């Protein structure tokens, strides 16, 4: 977020906003102290601008509208939907900075007609006025809990579950059930024949625990979540290597593939950003 010294100019430029803000109407405003936050969205992409309270709203929304039109022309829908890493569109910042310089000097703007059209549109359809309660409610927090957290971090909400994630979770539960069933049968074999290796029982139950723990990591947020899922996947691989004499190659390949699949889904399902009235996350 860049800043300028002139109090009439935008405090920060626009960026593609987090997905959560797209749940609001396509044009919103939020007043936070001496600053105004203006937001528009289209085609699943949000654009955010923070400026001083003296900066005209019509200029702010013209600025965002110009960025939105240029972004739609520059990037196709396929690339937008495939973006999963921060700063995927960092090259667009060049256009943002050039546009920001023009809007920092409103008297030199040559888009007088666009300004008039935007002013009329704002009068006919005023922006939705956001409140800190709105930002807290979409993340499952009341306004009283949107202050800065100290010590223990607040509960993180994961992104919505995808179809591939559901399939991975179901397959992981299936692998856990198969391991549990084979473990019970191994116990029965040991009771009938004392020469059987009890380590096979341990391997089956460890495999069951690893599969179920993968499902837990997929469903709920946890510290070091990706590392834990990788360790659980490594345990699945080790258990299947030890059970090589009791399973054929295709069975082992199935269990390892399912473990790798749900590990990938855990990595892809990231926590959603938490917004408060006092703090704003880094741009994406």
Protein backbone atom coordinates (compact mmCIF):
# COMPACT_ATOMS: atom_id res chain seq x y z
CA UNK A 1 0.00 0.00 0.00
CA UNK A 2 1.64 3.22 -1.11
CA UNK A 3 1.00 6.59 0.47
CA UNK A 4 1.12 10.23 -0.56
CA UNK A 5 1.69 13.34 1.51
CA UNK A 6 -1.17 15.37 0.01
CA UNK A 7 -4.21 14.79 2.24
CA UNK A 8 -6.56 15.21 -0.73
CA UNK A 9 -4.99 12.40 -2.68
CA UNK A 10 -5.62 8.66 -2.42
CA UNK A 11 -3.82 7.09 0.51
CA UNK A 12 -3.34 3.87 -1.41
CA UNK A 13 -3.75 2.47 -4.84
CA UNK A 14 -6.16 -0.22 -5.93
CA UNK A 15 -5.50 -3.94 -6.02
CA UNK A 16 -7.41 -7.10 -6.69
CA UNK A 17 -9.22 -7.62 -3.37
CA UNK A 18 -9.72 -10.86 -1.42
CA UNK A 19 -12.59 -13.03 -2.57
CA UNK A 20 -14.60 -12.44 0.58
CA UNK A 21 -15.40 -8.83 -0.36
CA UNK A 22 -17.09 -10.04 -3.55
CA UNK A 23 -20.06 -11.14 -1.40
CA UNK A 24 -21.07 -7.48 -1.04
CA UNK A 25 -22.86 -5.38 -3.70
CA UNK A 26 -20.76 -4.42 -6.71
CA UNK A 27 -20.17 -0.87 -5.39
CA UNK A 28 -19.48 -0.21 -1.69
CA UNK A 29 -18.02 2.42 0.62
CA UNK A 30 -16.73 2.25 4.17
CA UNK A 31 -15.73 5.15 6.42
CA UNK A 32 -12.96 4.35 8.91
CA UNK A 33 -11.88 7.42 10.84
CA UNK A 34 -10.36 9.97 8.48
CA UNK A 35 -10.21 7.57 5.55
CA UNK A 36 -12.78 6.26 3.07
CA UNK A 37 -12.58 2.76 1.64
CA UNK A 38 -14.19 2.37 -1.79
CA UNK A 39 -14.78 -0.98 -3.42
CA UNK A 40 -16.21 -2.29 -6.71
CA UNK A 41 -16.39 -5.82 -8.09
CA UNK A 42 -17.10 -7.50 -11.41
CA UNK A 43 -16.72 -11.04 -12.77
CA UNK A 44 -15.50 -12.32 -9.41
CA UNK A 45 -12.71 -9.72 -9.11
CA UNK A 46 -12.73 -6.91 -6.55
CA UNK A 47 -10.91 -3.54 -6.66
CA UNK A 48 -10.19 -1.61 -3.47
CA UNK A 49 -9.10 1.98 -2.89
CA UNK A 50 -8.32 3.80 0.39
CA UNK A 51 -8.32 7.61 0.31
CA UNK A 52 -8.80 10.55 2.64
CA UNK A 53 -12.33 11.63 3.53
CA UNK A 54 -11.85 14.85 1.53
CA UNK A 55 -11.26 13.01 -1.73
CA UNK A 56 -14.45 13.10 -3.90
CA UNK A 57 -16.31 9.80 -4.17
CA UNK A 58 -16.97 10.35 -7.86
CA UNK A 59 -13.22 10.50 -8.56
CA UNK A 60 -12.61 7.42 -6.44
CA UNK A 61 -15.17 5.33 -8.31
CA UNK A 62 -14.03 6.64 -11.68
CA UNK A 63 -10.52 5.58 -10.72
CA UNK A 64 -11.71 2.09 -9.78
CA UNK A 65 -13.90 1.83 -12.88
CA UNK A 66 -10.95 2.69 -15.12
CA UNK A 67 -8.80 0.04 -13.45
CA UNK A 68 -11.59 -2.49 -13.76
CA UNK A 69 -12.03 -1.93 -17.50
CA UNK A 70 -8.28 -2.16 -18.13
CA UNK A 71 -7.96 -5.31 -16.00
CA UNK A 72 -10.77 -7.06 -17.88
CA UNK A 73 -9.12 -6.21 -21.20
CA UNK A 74 -5.65 -7.29 -20.03
CA UNK A 75 -6.49 -10.62 -18.35
CA UNK A 76 -8.89 -13.32 -19.52
CA UNK A 77 -11.21 -15.22 -17.20
CA UNK A 78 -9.13 -18.40 -17.38
CA UNK A 79 -6.02 -16.72 -15.98
CA UNK A 80 -8.00 -14.93 -13.27
CA UNK A 81 -9.63 -18.16 -12.06
CA UNK A 82 -6.31 -20.03 -12.06
CA UNK A 83 -4.52 -17.45 -9.88
CA UNK A 84 -3.70 -19.04 -6.50
CA UNK A 85 -0.56 -17.19 -5.37
CA UNK A 86 -0.24 -13.64 -4.00
CA UNK A 87 0.80 -10.95 -6.46
CA UNK A 88 -0.16 -13.03 -9.51
CA UNK A 89 -0.94 -9.79 -11.36
CA UNK A 90 1.96 -7.69 -10.06
CA UNK A 91 2.70 -6.42 -13.57
CA UNK A 92 -0.66 -4.62 -13.54
CA UNK A 93 0.79 -2.29 -10.89
CA UNK A 94 2.43 -0.25 -13.66
CA UNK A 95 -0.97 0.77 -14.99
CA UNK A 96 -2.23 1.39 -11.44
CA UNK A 97 0.60 3.80 -10.69
CA UNK A 98 0.14 5.72 -13.94
CA UNK A 99 -3.59 6.04 -13.35
CA UNK A 100 -3.04 7.04 -9.74
CA UNK A 101 -0.76 9.91 -10.79
CA UNK A 102 -3.51 11.31 -13.03
CA UNK A 103 -6.14 11.07 -10.30
CA UNK A 104 -3.81 12.67 -7.77
CA UNK A 105 -4.22 15.86 -9.83
CA UNK A 106 -7.99 16.04 -10.50
CA UNK A 107 -7.73 19.39 -12.28
CA UNK A 108 -5.61 17.87 -15.03
CA UNK A 109 -8.00 14.98 -15.69
CA UNK A 110 -9.22 14.80 -19.27
CA UNK A 111 -12.16 12.47 -18.50
CA UNK A 112 -14.73 15.17 -17.76
CA UNK A 113 -17.54 13.28 -19.55
CA UNK A 114 -16.84 10.07 -17.63
CA UNK A 115 -16.85 12.01 -14.38
CA UNK A 116 -20.26 13.46 -15.19
CA UNK A 117 -21.63 10.03 -16.08
CA UNK A 118 -20.28 8.51 -12.88
CA UNK A 119 -21.70 11.34 -10.79
CA UNK A 120 -25.13 10.74 -12.29
CA UNK A 121 -24.84 6.99 -11.72
CA UNK A 122 -23.85 7.48 -8.08
CA UNK A 123 -26.86 9.74 -7.52
CA UNK A 124 -29.22 7.20 -9.10
CA UNK A 125 -27.59 4.18 -7.45
CA UNK A 126 -25.62 5.22 -4.35
CA UNK A 127 -22.84 2.89 -3.13
CA UNK A 128 -23.72 0.45 -0.39
CA UNK A 129 -22.43 1.80 2.92
CA UNK A 130 -20.39 -0.93 4.63
CA UNK A 131 -19.87 -1.10 8.37
CA UNK A 132 -17.34 -2.97 10.55
CA UNK A 133 -20.21 -5.31 11.50
CA UNK A 134 -20.59 -6.30 7.82
CA UNK A 135 -16.92 -7.25 7.59
CA UNK A 136 -17.11 -9.25 10.81
CA UNK A 137 -20.36 -11.04 10.00
CA UNK A 138 -19.12 -12.69 6.79
CA UNK A 139 -16.26 -14.22 8.77
CA UNK A 140 -18.44 -15.47 11.62
CA UNK A 141 -17.53 -12.73 14.11
CA UNK A 142 -19.72 -10.18 15.84
CA UNK A 143 -18.65 -6.55 16.02
CA UNK A 144 -17.53 -7.00 19.62
CA UNK A 145 -14.92 -9.57 18.53
CA UNK A 146 -13.41 -7.58 15.67
CA UNK A 147 -10.76 -5.87 17.79
CA UNK A 148 -7.11 -6.75 17.48
CA UNK A 149 -6.31 -10.16 18.89
CA UNK A 150 -3.52 -10.64 21.38
CA UNK A 151 -2.01 -13.95 22.39
CA UNK A 152 -4.08 -16.76 20.89
CA UNK A 153 -5.12 -16.15 17.30
CA UNK A 154 -8.85 -16.26 16.32
CA UNK A 155 -10.36 -19.30 14.68
CA UNK A 156 -9.54 -19.39 10.98
CA UNK A 157 -12.27 -20.16 8.45
CA UNK A 158 -11.19 -22.24 5.47
CA UNK A 159 -12.24 -21.61 1.90
CA UNK A 160 -15.40 -23.34 0.61
CA UNK A 161 -15.11 -27.05 -0.11
CA UNK A 162 -14.69 -28.00 -3.76
CA UNK A 163 -15.93 -31.14 -5.50
CA UNK A 164 -12.41 -32.52 -5.81
CA UNK A 165 -11.93 -31.96 -2.08
CA UNK A 166 -15.08 -33.91 -1.27
CA UNK A 167 -13.97 -36.78 -3.51
CA UNK A 168 -10.53 -36.83 -1.87
CA UNK A 169 -12.05 -36.87 1.61
CA UNK A 170 -14.45 -39.72 0.73
CA UNK A 171 -11.63 -41.79 -0.79
CA UNK A 172 -9.46 -41.17 2.28
CA UNK A 173 -12.26 -42.37 4.57
CA UNK A 174 -12.61 -45.45 2.35
CA UNK A 175 -8.88 -46.19 2.66
CA UNK A 176 -9.11 -45.77 6.43
CA UNK A 177 -12.06 -48.17 6.59
CA UNK A 178 -10.17 -50.75 4.50
CA UNK A 179 -7.14 -50.49 6.78
CA UNK A 180 -9.35 -50.84 9.85
CA UNK A 181 -11.08 -53.90 8.42
CA UNK A 182 -7.78 -55.57 7.52
CA UNK A 183 -6.43 -54.73 10.99
CA UNK A 184 -9.36 -56.47 12.67
CA UNK A 185 -8.84 -59.53 10.47
CA UNK A 186 -5.13 -59.49 11.35
CA UNK A 187 -6.01 -59.56 15.05
CA UNK A 188 -8.27 -62.56 14.46
CA UNK A 189 -5.43 -64.32 12.60
CA UNK A 190 -3.04 -63.67 15.49
CA UNK A 191 -5.52 -65.13 17.97
CA UNK A 192 -5.80 -68.28 15.83
CA UNK A 193 -2.13 -68.50 14.89
CA UNK A 194 0.48 -67.15 17.31
CA UNK A 195 3.12 -67.11 14.58
CA UNK A 196 1.49 -64.10 12.86
CA UNK A 197 3.35 -60.79 13.03
CA UNK A 198 1.62 -58.29 15.34
CA UNK A 199 3.42 -55.44 13.56
CA UNK A 200 0.99 -55.88 10.65
CA UNK A 201 -1.85 -54.93 12.99
CA UNK A 202 0.02 -51.81 14.06
CA UNK A 203 0.67 -50.86 10.42
CA UNK A 204 -3.02 -51.24 9.52
CA UNK A 205 -4.20 -49.12 12.45
CA UNK A 206 -1.55 -46.47 11.84
CA UNK A 207 -2.72 -46.28 8.24
CA UNK A 208 -6.31 -45.84 9.45
CA UNK A 209 -5.28 -43.06 11.83
CA UNK A 210 -3.28 -41.27 9.11
CA UNK A 211 -6.18 -41.37 6.64
CA UNK A 212 -8.68 -40.03 9.18
CA UNK A 213 -6.25 -37.35 10.32
CA UNK A 214 -5.92 -36.23 6.70
CA UNK A 215 -9.69 -35.77 6.60
CA UNK A 216 -9.53 -33.75 9.81
CA UNK A 217 -6.83 -31.47 8.40
CA UNK A 218 -8.90 -30.97 5.27
CA UNK A 219 -12.00 -29.99 7.24
CA UNK A 220 -10.48 -27.81 9.98
CA UNK A 221 -7.72 -25.25 10.30
CA UNK A 222 -4.62 -26.24 12.25
CA UNK A 223 -1.21 -24.72 12.88
CA UNK A 224 1.42 -26.15 10.50
CA UNK A 225 -1.44 -27.76 8.63
CA UNK A 226 0.46 -28.44 5.39
CA UNK A 227 3.43 -29.96 7.22
CA UNK A 228 1.15 -32.21 9.26
CA UNK A 229 -0.63 -33.41 6.13
CA UNK A 230 2.71 -34.23 4.48
CA UNK A 231 3.83 -36.19 7.54
CA UNK A 232 0.54 -38.09 7.54
CA UNK A 233 1.07 -38.89 3.85
CA UNK A 234 4.60 -40.11 4.62
CA UNK A 235 3.17 -42.39 7.33
CA UNK A 236 0.66 -43.80 4.81
CA UNK A 237 3.52 -44.58 2.42
CA UNK A 238 5.59 -46.26 5.13
CA UNK A 239 2.67 -48.40 6.32
CA UNK A 240 1.96 -49.59 2.78
CA UNK A 241 5.62 -50.37 2.22
CA UNK A 242 5.59 -52.55 5.35
CA UNK A 243 2.37 -54.25 4.18
CA UNK A 244 3.88 -55.09 0.80
CA UNK A 245 3.59 -58.85 1.44
CA UNK A 246 -0.13 -58.60 2.25
CA UNK A 247 -1.16 -56.32 -0.60
CA UNK A 248 -0.59 -56.36 -4.33
CA UNK A 249 0.91 -53.46 -6.27
CA UNK A 250 -2.47 -52.03 -7.34
CA UNK A 251 -3.78 -51.89 -3.78
CA UNK A 252 -0.64 -50.13 -2.56
CA UNK A 253 -0.79 -47.73 -5.51
CA UNK A 254 -4.44 -46.92 -4.71
CA UNK A 255 -3.72 -46.10 -1.06
CA UNK A 256 -0.66 -43.97 -1.89
CA UNK A 257 -2.48 -42.12 -4.69
CA UNK A 258 -5.43 -41.29 -2.44
CA UNK A 259 -3.03 -40.07 0.26
CA UNK A 260 -1.25 -37.82 -2.23
CA UNK A 261 -4.57 -36.54 -3.61
CA UNK A 262 -5.97 -35.44 -0.26
CA UNK A 263 -2.59 -33.94 0.72
CA UNK A 264 -2.83 -31.77 -2.39
CA UNK A 265 -6.41 -30.77 -1.55
CA UNK A 266 -5.35 -29.78 1.97
CA UNK A 267 -2.66 -27.56 0.50
CA UNK A 268 -5.08 -25.94 -1.97
CA UNK A 269 -7.78 -25.23 0.63
CA UNK A 270 -6.28 -22.21 2.36
CA UNK A 271 -7.69 -20.15 5.26
CA UNK A 272 -9.77 -17.14 4.37
CA UNK A 273 -8.60 -13.68 5.37
CA UNK A 274 -10.12 -12.15 8.50
CA UNK A 275 -11.19 -8.51 8.22
CA UNK A 276 -11.70 -6.04 11.00
CA UNK A 277 -12.64 -2.41 11.06
CA UNK A 278 -9.12 -1.49 12.16
CA UNK A 279 -6.97 -3.79 10.08
CA UNK A 280 -6.84 -4.54 6.36
CA UNK A 281 -4.98 -7.49 4.88
CA UNK A 282 -2.22 -7.23 2.33
CA UNK A 283 -3.27 -6.97 -1.31
CA UNK A 284 -3.44 -9.96 -3.59
